[in-house]
Amino acid sequence: MRFEDNSIKNKISYYDFKRGDVAHPTLQINKRRGFFCGYITKHIGTDSEGNVWYETEKGGVKDIMTPQMMMAAANIQRNSNES
């Protein structure tokens, strides 16, 4: 499965795929720290609009961002899936 930042996750069970329960390979939806687009991340929650928010740190600067905000700051183009 290819995600919007072009990360690819192989080995997905049909059960998880059918339920739509496929996690990004580097973003963690738990309280452990992860790493995404050059940021150290820690999941803090999801808002009422479905946006997923992370505490981030990069170069000693802390912020609260969504994965899309981290991708934009790192100049990573979204996968458009256009033919």
PDB file of N, CA and C in Angstrom:
ATOM      1  N   MET A   1       0.854  -1.159   0.000  1.00  0.00           N
ATOM      2  CA  MET A   1       0.000   0.000   0.000  1.00  0.00           C
ATOM      3  C   MET A   1       0.900   1.220   0.000  1.00  0.00           C
ATOM      4  N   ARG A   2       0.567   2.201  -0.832  1.00  0.00           N
ATOM      5  CA  ARG A   2       1.338   3.442  -0.908  1.00  0.00           C
ATOM      6  C   ARG A   2       0.556   4.548  -0.192  1.00  0.00           C
ATOM      7  N   PHE A   3       1.248   5.264   0.676  1.00  0.00           N
ATOM      8  CA  PHE A   3       0.654   6.378   1.409  1.00  0.00           C
ATOM      9  C   PHE A   3       0.925   7.684   0.678  1.00  0.00           C
ATOM     10  N   GLU A   4       0.292   8.772   1.106  1.00  0.00           N
ATOM     11  CA  GLU A   4       0.389  10.031   0.384  1.00  0.00           C
ATOM     12  C   GLU A   4       1.788  10.626   0.353  1.00  0.00           C
ATOM     13  N   ASP A   5       2.676  10.222   1.259  1.00  0.00           N
ATOM     14  CA  ASP A   5       4.062  10.699   1.220  1.00  0.00           C
ATOM     15  C   ASP A   5       4.966   9.739   0.448  1.00  0.00           C
ATOM     16  N   ASN A   6       4.350   8.795  -0.275  1.00  0.00           N
ATOM     17  CA  ASN A   6       4.993   7.773  -1.089  1.00  0.00           C
ATOM     18  C   ASN A   6       5.672   6.679  -0.277  1.00  0.00           C
ATOM     19  N   SER A   7       5.455   6.627   1.020  1.00  0.00           N
ATOM     20  CA  SER A   7       5.924   5.499   1.818  1.00  0.00           C
ATOM     21  C   SER A   7       5.117   4.272   1.423  1.00  0.00           C
ATOM     22  N   ILE A   8       5.758   3.124   1.432  1.00  0.00           N
ATOM     23  CA  ILE A   8       5.096   1.890   1.032  1.00  0.00           C
ATOM     24  C   ILE A   8       5.112   0.908   2.190  1.00  0.00           C
ATOM     25  N   LYS A   9       3.970   0.288   2.428  1.00  0.00           N
ATOM     26  CA  LYS A   9       3.883  -0.767   3.434  1.00  0.00           C
ATOM     27  C   LYS A   9       3.537  -2.058   2.720  1.00  0.00           C
ATOM     28  N   ASN A  10       4.415  -3.017   2.856  1.00  0.00           N
ATOM     29  CA  ASN A  10       4.203  -4.352   2.306  1.00  0.00           C
ATOM     30  C   ASN A  10       3.602  -5.223   3.396  1.00  0.00           C
ATOM     31  N   LYS A  11       3.194  -6.387   3.055  1.00  0.00           N
ATOM     32  CA  LYS A  11       2.686  -7.373   4.016  1.00  0.00           C
ATOM     33  C   LYS A  11       1.523  -6.836   4.849  1.00  0.00           C
ATOM     34  N   ILE A  12       0.409  -6.658   4.205  1.00  0.00           N
ATOM     35  CA  ILE A  12      -0.822  -6.222   4.869  1.00  0.00           C
ATOM     36  C   ILE A  12      -1.789  -7.396   4.848  1.00  0.00           C
ATOM     37  N   SER A  13      -2.344  -7.710   5.997  1.00  0.00           N
ATOM     38  CA  SER A  13      -3.316  -8.808   6.007  1.00  0.00           C
ATOM     39  C   SER A  13      -4.598  -8.350   5.316  1.00  0.00           C
ATOM     40  N   TYR A  14      -5.277  -9.282   4.693  1.00  0.00           N
ATOM     41  CA  TYR A  14      -6.539  -8.964   4.027  1.00  0.00           C
ATOM     42  C   TYR A  14      -7.553  -8.441   5.043  1.00  0.00           C
ATOM     43  N   TYR A  15      -7.541  -9.014   6.236  1.00  0.00           N
ATOM     44  CA  TYR A  15      -8.461  -8.590   7.298  1.00  0.00           C
ATOM     45  C   TYR A  15      -8.261  -7.112   7.627  1.00  0.00           C
ATOM     46  N   ASP A  16      -7.006  -6.679   7.836  1.00  0.00           N
ATOM     47  CA  ASP A  16      -6.726  -5.275   8.137  1.00  0.00           C
ATOM     48  C   ASP A  16      -7.062  -4.369   6.956  1.00  0.00           C
ATOM     49  N   PHE A  17      -6.727  -4.814   5.742  1.00  0.00           N
ATOM     50  CA  PHE A  17      -7.032  -4.038   4.549  1.00  0.00           C
ATOM     51  C   PHE A  17      -8.531  -3.837   4.393  1.00  0.00           C
ATOM     52  N   LYS A  18      -9.285  -4.896   4.568  1.00  0.00           N
ATOM     53  CA  LYS A  18     -10.743  -4.835   4.426  1.00  0.00           C
ATOM     54  C   LYS A  18     -11.361  -3.881   5.447  1.00  0.00           C
ATOM     55  N   ARG A  19     -10.832  -3.851   6.672  1.00  0.00           N
ATOM     56  CA  ARG A  19     -11.334  -2.961   7.730  1.00  0.00           C
ATOM     57  C   ARG A  19     -10.820  -1.531   7.595  1.00  0.00           C
ATOM     58  N   GLY A  20      -9.822  -1.326   6.717  1.00  0.00           N
ATOM     59  CA  GLY A  20      -9.221   0.000   6.596  1.00  0.00           C
ATOM     60  C   GLY A  20      -8.283   0.300   7.752  1.00  0.00           C
ATOM     61  N   ASP A  21      -7.732  -0.736   8.332  1.00  0.00           N
ATOM     62  CA  ASP A  21      -6.890  -0.599   9.517  1.00  0.00           C
ATOM     63  C   ASP A  21      -5.425  -0.855   9.157  1.00  0.00           C
ATOM     64  N   VAL A  22      -4.892  -0.042   8.244  1.00  0.00           N
ATOM     65  CA  VAL A  22      -3.508  -0.179   7.815  1.00  0.00           C
ATOM     66  C   VAL A  22      -2.747   1.053   8.296  1.00  0.00           C
ATOM     67  N   ALA A  23      -1.762   0.840   9.152  1.00  0.00           N
ATOM     68  CA  ALA A  23      -1.013   1.952   9.738  1.00  0.00           C
ATOM     69  C   ALA A  23       0.163   2.345   8.854  1.00  0.00           C
ATOM     70  N   HIS A  24       0.482   3.632   8.875  1.00  0.00           N
ATOM     71  CA  HIS A  24       1.657   4.141   8.179  1.00  0.00           C
ATOM     72  C   HIS A  24       2.889   3.471   8.778  1.00  0.00           C
ATOM     73  N   PRO A  25       3.878   3.117   7.955  1.00  0.00           N
ATOM     74  CA  PRO A  25       5.021   2.380   8.479  1.00  0.00           C
ATOM     75  C   PRO A  25       5.908   3.154   9.458  1.00  0.00           C
ATOM     76  N   THR A  26       5.872   4.494   9.460  1.00  0.00           N
ATOM     77  CA  THR A  26       6.734   5.234  10.383  1.00  0.00           C
ATOM     78  C   THR A  26       5.977   6.092  11.392  1.00  0.00           C
ATOM     79  N   LEU A  27       4.682   6.261  11.225  1.00  0.00           N
ATOM     80  CA  LEU A  27       3.905   7.036  12.199  1.00  0.00           C
ATOM     81  C   LEU A  27       3.234   6.094  13.185  1.00  0.00           C
ATOM     82  N   GLN A  28       3.395   6.373  14.454  1.00  0.00           N
ATOM     83  CA  GLN A  28       2.836   5.519  15.497  1.00  0.00           C
ATOM     84  C   GLN A  28       1.604   6.184  16.107  1.00  0.00           C
ATOM     85  N   ILE A  29       0.503   5.465  16.199  1.00  0.00           N
ATOM     86  CA  ILE A  29      -0.699   5.971  16.860  1.00  0.00           C
ATOM     87  C   ILE A  29      -0.710   5.377  18.266  1.00  0.00           C
ATOM     88  N   ASN A  30       0.283   5.734  19.018  1.00  0.00           N
ATOM     89  CA  ASN A  30       0.388   5.336  20.418  1.00  0.00           C
ATOM     90  C   ASN A  30       1.271   6.363  21.120  1.00  0.00           C
ATOM     91  N   LYS A  31       1.637   6.123  22.320  1.00  0.00           N
ATOM     92  CA  LYS A  31       2.388   7.124  23.071  1.00  0.00           C
ATOM     93  C   LYS A  31       3.903   6.990  22.924  1.00  0.00           C
ATOM     94  N   ARG A  32       4.374   6.040  22.086  1.00  0.00           N
ATOM     95  CA  ARG A  32       5.811   5.931  21.846  1.00  0.00           C
ATOM     96  C   ARG A  32       6.253   7.016  20.882  1.00  0.00           C
ATOM     97  N   ARG A  33       7.509   7.336  20.954  1.00  0.00           N
ATOM     98  CA  ARG A  33       8.071   8.307  20.016  1.00  0.00           C
ATOM     99  C   ARG A  33       8.358   7.633  18.681  1.00  0.00           C
ATOM    100  N   GLY A  34       8.161   8.369  17.608  1.00  0.00           N
ATOM    101  CA  GLY A  34       8.448   7.880  16.265  1.00  0.00           C
ATOM    102  C   GLY A  34       9.297   8.892  15.522  1.00  0.00           C
ATOM    103  N   PHE A  35       9.467   8.675  14.234  1.00  0.00           N
ATOM    104  CA  PHE A  35      10.255   9.569  13.398  1.00  0.00           C
ATOM    105  C   PHE A  35       9.575   9.660  12.044  1.00  0.00           C
ATOM    106  N   PHE A  36       9.295  10.896  11.572  1.00  0.00           N
ATOM    107  CA  PHE A  36       8.584  11.099  10.315  1.00  0.00           C
ATOM    108  C   PHE A  36       9.040  12.403   9.694  1.00  0.00           C
ATOM    109  N   CYS A  37       9.477  12.366   8.448  1.00  0.00           N
ATOM    110  CA  CYS A  37       9.882  13.559   7.686  1.00  0.00           C
ATOM    111  C   CYS A  37      10.931  14.396   8.426  1.00  0.00           C
ATOM    112  N   GLY A  38      11.815  13.762   9.151  1.00  0.00           N
ATOM    113  CA  GLY A  38      12.852  14.494   9.873  1.00  0.00           C
ATOM    114  C   GLY A  38      12.439  14.983  11.246  1.00  0.00           C
ATOM    115  N   TYR A  39      11.214  14.698  11.663  1.00  0.00           N
ATOM    116  CA  TYR A  39      10.703  15.120  12.965  1.00  0.00           C
ATOM    117  C   TYR A  39      10.639  13.935  13.924  1.00  0.00           C
ATOM    118  N   ILE A  40      10.975  14.180  15.179  1.00  0.00           N
ATOM    119  CA  ILE A  40      10.691  13.217  16.231  1.00  0.00           C
ATOM    120  C   ILE A  40       9.229  13.453  16.584  1.00  0.00           C
ATOM    121  N   THR A  41       8.422  12.416  16.615  1.00  0.00           N
ATOM    122  CA  THR A  41       6.978  12.576  16.796  1.00  0.00           C
ATOM    123  C   THR A  41       6.461  11.795  17.989  1.00  0.00           C
ATOM    124  N   LYS A  42       5.369  12.291  18.546  1.00  0.00           N
ATOM    125  CA  LYS A  42       4.627  11.584  19.591  1.00  0.00           C
ATOM    126  C   LYS A  42       3.147  11.905  19.390  1.00  0.00           C
ATOM    127  N   HIS A  43       2.339  10.881  19.164  1.00  0.00           N
ATOM    128  CA  HIS A  43       0.905  11.058  18.914  1.00  0.00           C
ATOM    129  C   HIS A  43       0.229  11.661  20.144  1.00  0.00           C
ATOM    130  N   ILE A  44      -0.588  12.703  19.913  1.00  0.00           N
ATOM    131  CA  ILE A  44      -1.302  13.300  21.051  1.00  0.00           C
ATOM    132  C   ILE A  44      -2.812  13.226  20.907  1.00  0.00           C
ATOM    133  N   GLY A  45      -3.329  13.004  19.704  1.00  0.00           N
ATOM    134  CA  GLY A  45      -4.770  12.879  19.588  1.00  0.00           C
ATOM    135  C   GLY A  45      -5.307  13.169  18.205  1.00  0.00           C
ATOM    136  N   THR A  46      -6.623  13.024  18.080  1.00  0.00           N
ATOM    137  CA  THR A  46      -7.336  13.263  16.841  1.00  0.00           C
ATOM    138  C   THR A  46      -8.462  14.243  17.134  1.00  0.00           C
ATOM    139  N   ASP A  47      -8.626  15.242  16.260  1.00  0.00           N
ATOM    140  CA  ASP A  47      -9.681  16.225  16.496  1.00  0.00           C
ATOM    141  C   ASP A  47     -11.002  15.769  15.878  1.00  0.00           C
ATOM    142  N   SER A  48     -12.037  16.566  16.041  1.00  0.00           N
ATOM    143  CA  SER A  48     -13.376  16.194  15.579  1.00  0.00           C
ATOM    144  C   SER A  48     -13.487  16.123  14.058  1.00  0.00           C
ATOM    145  N   GLU A  49     -12.530  16.710  13.333  1.00  0.00           N
ATOM    146  CA  GLU A  49     -12.534  16.669  11.875  1.00  0.00           C
ATOM    147  C   GLU A  49     -11.710  15.509  11.323  1.00  0.00           C
ATOM    148  N   GLY A  50     -11.138  14.697  12.221  1.00  0.00           N
ATOM    149  CA  GLY A  50     -10.363  13.542  11.797  1.00  0.00           C
ATOM    150  C   GLY A  50      -8.884  13.807  11.603  1.00  0.00           C
ATOM    151  N   ASN A  51      -8.416  15.024  11.905  1.00  0.00           N
ATOM    152  CA  ASN A  51      -6.990  15.330  11.792  1.00  0.00           C
ATOM    153  C   ASN A  51      -6.240  14.686  12.949  1.00  0.00           C
ATOM    154  N   VAL A  52      -5.123  14.046  12.630  1.00  0.00           N
ATOM    155  CA  VAL A  52      -4.293  13.392  13.647  1.00  0.00           C
ATOM    156  C   VAL A  52      -3.160  14.346  14.000  1.00  0.00           C
ATOM    157  N   TRP A  53      -2.981  14.613  15.295  1.00  0.00           N
ATOM    158  CA  TRP A  53      -1.999  15.591  15.757  1.00  0.00           C
ATOM    159  C   TRP A  53      -0.866  14.925  16.514  1.00  0.00           C
ATOM    160  N   TYR A  54       0.338  15.451  16.308  1.00  0.00           N
ATOM    161  CA  TYR A  54       1.551  14.942  16.945  1.00  0.00           C
ATOM    162  C   TYR A  54       2.327  16.085  17.584  1.00  0.00           C
ATOM    163  N   GLU A  55       2.939  15.808  18.742  1.00  0.00           N
ATOM    164  CA  GLU A  55       3.981  16.684  19.263  1.00  0.00           C
ATOM    165  C   GLU A  55       5.196  16.403  18.404  1.00  0.00           C
ATOM    166  N   THR A  56       5.849  17.447  17.915  1.00  0.00           N
ATOM    167  CA  THR A  56       7.017  17.239  17.056  1.00  0.00           C
ATOM    168  C   THR A  56       8.211  17.995  17.614  1.00  0.00           C
ATOM    169  N   GLU A  57       9.384  17.507  17.241  1.00  0.00           N
ATOM    170  CA  GLU A  57      10.617  18.196  17.593  1.00  0.00           C
ATOM    171  C   GLU A  57      11.613  18.001  16.463  1.00  0.00           C
ATOM    172  N   LYS A  58      12.212  19.107  16.041  1.00  0.00           N
ATOM    173  CA  LYS A  58      13.226  19.062  14.989  1.00  0.00           C
ATOM    174  C   LYS A  58      14.225  20.171  15.262  1.00  0.00           C
ATOM    175  N   GLY A  59      15.476  19.808  15.443  1.00  0.00           N
ATOM    176  CA  GLY A  59      16.506  20.806  15.709  1.00  0.00           C
ATOM    177  C   GLY A  59      16.277  21.564  17.006  1.00  0.00           C
ATOM    178  N   GLY A  60      15.683  20.921  17.993  1.00  0.00           N
ATOM    179  CA  GLY A  60      15.409  21.562  19.276  1.00  0.00           C
ATOM    180  C   GLY A  60      14.146  22.401  19.309  1.00  0.00           C
ATOM    181  N   VAL A  61      13.474  22.542  18.167  1.00  0.00           N
ATOM    182  CA  VAL A  61      12.241  23.331  18.086  1.00  0.00           C
ATOM    183  C   VAL A  61      11.051  22.385  18.229  1.00  0.00           C
ATOM    184  N   LYS A  62      10.181  22.671  19.182  1.00  0.00           N
ATOM    185  CA  LYS A  62       8.999  21.838  19.418  1.00  0.00           C
ATOM    186  C   LYS A  62       7.766  22.505  18.827  1.00  0.00           C
ATOM    187  N   ASP A  63       6.832  21.677  18.355  1.00  0.00           N
ATOM    188  CA  ASP A  63       5.612  22.189  17.738  1.00  0.00           C
ATOM    189  C   ASP A  63       4.540  21.109  17.844  1.00  0.00           C
ATOM    190  N   ILE A  64       3.330  21.430  17.413  1.00  0.00           N
ATOM    191  CA  ILE A  64       2.239  20.470  17.295  1.00  0.00           C
ATOM    192  C   ILE A  64       1.786  20.523  15.837  1.00  0.00           C
ATOM    193  N   MET A  65       1.845  19.362  15.149  1.00  0.00           N
ATOM    194  CA  MET A  65       1.597  19.334  13.709  1.00  0.00           C
ATOM    195  C   MET A  65       0.844  18.062  13.310  1.00  0.00           C
ATOM    196  N   THR A  66       0.218  18.129  12.131  1.00  0.00           N
ATOM    197  CA  THR A  66      -0.360  16.948  11.497  1.00  0.00           C
ATOM    198  C   THR A  66       0.704  16.364  10.564  1.00  0.00           C
ATOM    199  N   PRO A  67       0.543  15.116  10.127  1.00  0.00           N
ATOM    200  CA  PRO A  67       1.499  14.570   9.158  1.00  0.00           C
ATOM    201  C   PRO A  67       1.584  15.419   7.880  1.00  0.00           C
ATOM    202  N   GLN A  68       0.453  15.956   7.432  1.00  0.00           N
ATOM    203  CA  GLN A  68       0.455  16.786   6.233  1.00  0.00           C
ATOM    204  C   GLN A  68       1.263  18.068   6.450  1.00  0.00           C
ATOM    205  N   MET A  69       1.197  18.646   7.637  1.00  0.00           N
ATOM    206  CA  MET A  69       1.990  19.842   7.941  1.00  0.00           C
ATOM    207  C   MET A  69       3.485  19.506   7.955  1.00  0.00           C
ATOM    208  N   MET A  70       3.838  18.338   8.505  1.00  0.00           N
ATOM    209  CA  MET A  70       5.244  17.922   8.522  1.00  0.00           C
ATOM    210  C   MET A  70       5.751  17.706   7.098  1.00  0.00           C
ATOM    211  N   MET A  71       4.920  17.083   6.251  1.00  0.00           N
ATOM    212  CA  MET A  71       5.306  16.856   4.857  1.00  0.00           C
ATOM    213  C   MET A  71       5.511  18.183   4.132  1.00  0.00           C
ATOM    214  N   ALA A  72       4.620  19.145   4.342  1.00  0.00           N
ATOM    215  CA  ALA A  72       4.742  20.450   3.689  1.00  0.00           C
ATOM    216  C   ALA A  72       6.010  21.169   4.149  1.00  0.00           C
ATOM    217  N   ALA A  73       6.295  21.114   5.440  1.00  0.00           N
ATOM    218  CA  ALA A  73       7.492  21.777   5.974  1.00  0.00           C
ATOM    219  C   ALA A  73       8.766  21.123   5.444  1.00  0.00           C
ATOM    220  N   ALA A  74       8.707  19.828   5.166  1.00  0.00           N
ATOM    221  CA  ALA A  74       9.868  19.104   4.642  1.00  0.00           C
ATOM    222  C   ALA A  74       9.901  19.110   3.108  1.00  0.00           C
ATOM    223  N   ASN A  75       8.980  19.822   2.472  1.00  0.00           N
ATOM    224  CA  ASN A  75       8.869  19.915   1.011  1.00  0.00           C
ATOM    225  C   ASN A  75       8.705  18.545   0.350  1.00  0.00           C
ATOM    226  N   ILE A  76       7.907  17.683   0.957  1.00  0.00           N
ATOM    227  CA  ILE A  76       7.597  16.375   0.381  1.00  0.00           C
ATOM    228  C   ILE A  76       6.252  16.489  -0.322  1.00  0.00           C
ATOM    229  N   GLN A  77       6.230  16.135  -1.601  1.00  0.00           N
ATOM    230  CA  GLN A  77       5.010  16.223  -2.395  1.00  0.00           C
ATOM    231  C   GLN A  77       4.081  15.072  -2.057  1.00  0.00           C
ATOM    232  N   ARG A  78       2.802  15.357  -1.965  1.00  0.00           N
ATOM    233  CA  ARG A  78       1.801  14.318  -1.749  1.00  0.00           C
ATOM    234  C   ARG A  78       1.657  13.477  -2.988  1.00  0.00           C
ATOM    235  N   ASN A  79       1.399  12.196  -2.805  1.00  0.00           N
ATOM    236  CA  ASN A  79       1.140  11.284  -3.916  1.00  0.00           C
ATOM    237  C   ASN A  79      -0.257  11.594  -4.442  1.00  0.00           C
ATOM    238  N   SER A  80      -0.350  12.020  -5.690  1.00  0.00           N
ATOM    239  CA  SER A  80      -1.639  12.472  -6.227  1.00  0.00           C
ATOM    240  C   SER A  80      -2.500  11.342  -6.776  1.00  0.00           C
ATOM    241  N   ASN A  81      -1.916  10.209  -7.158  1.00  0.00           N
ATOM    242  CA  ASN A  81      -2.658   9.080  -7.733  1.00  0.00           C
ATOM    243  C   ASN A  81      -3.436   9.461  -8.989  1.00  0.00           C
ATOM    244  N   GLU A  82      -3.002  10.500  -9.691  1.00  0.00           N
ATOM    245  CA  GLU A  82      -3.693  10.906 -10.915  1.00  0.00           C
ATOM    246  C   GLU A  82      -3.134  10.139 -12.097  1.00  0.00           C
ATOM    247  N   SER A  83      -3.978   9.748 -13.024  1.00  0.00           N
ATOM    248  CA  SER A  83      -3.529   9.015 -14.208  1.00  0.00           C
ATOM    249  C   SER A  83      -3.335   9.947 -15.376  1.00  0.00           C
TER     250      SER A  83
END
